[in-house]
Amino acid sequence: MSPPVVDEPILLERARSGDHAAFDALLQRFAPCVRGVLMGYVPAADADDLMQDVFLAAWRALPELNDTSAFGAWLSTIARNRARRHLARRIVLEPLPDELVDTAPPSRADHTPSGEEILALLRTLPEAYREPLLLRLVERMGGAEIAAATGLTHGSVRVNLSRGMEMLRERLRQRGWP
């Protein structure tokens, strides 16, 4: 028999009072959302590493969270900030000289986009579209799950997914991919 599902507000109150098991349950529920947000900024390997940093920061700041109904949005904000901080610390590489850069987009016959190439394109989308798409495509979350995790309305998620997918398709077409 599986343990009963505890409501998020109850888990939050328990976690705020120092209950590690309650916070772990929240971590399990929100890990896909946090990972999806992080992947909007950094490679998957870095996202996995940064998740620990995000949840540690959340644990430490949990007493400061005033609106417990906004936990998912608050956690997403922490994830975005940690990812941005991580990117700011990275080594800046020199761009290749123009004569060494191949500016011709790959044709479909020559190349199928890899997951990393698609993630790189997703990272060029506006944040409002990028994050819901990553949660949908990478973490396989449904619209209602995305809305609950991010604090957006289901309608906003639906619109952002649709517009984001169209932008992604257009960027793929611009690079010669169908």
Foldseek 3Di string as FASTA:
>chain_A
DDDDDDDQVVLLVCLLVPDPVSLVVVCVLQVLLLLLLLLLQDPSVVSVVCSVVLSVVCSVCSNVDDDSQQVLQVSSVSSNVSSVVVVVPDDDDDDDPPVPDDPQFDAQVRDDDDPVNLSVLLSPDPSLQSSLCSSCPVVVDDLVSNCSNNVHDSVSSVVSPVVSVVSSVVVCVVRNHD
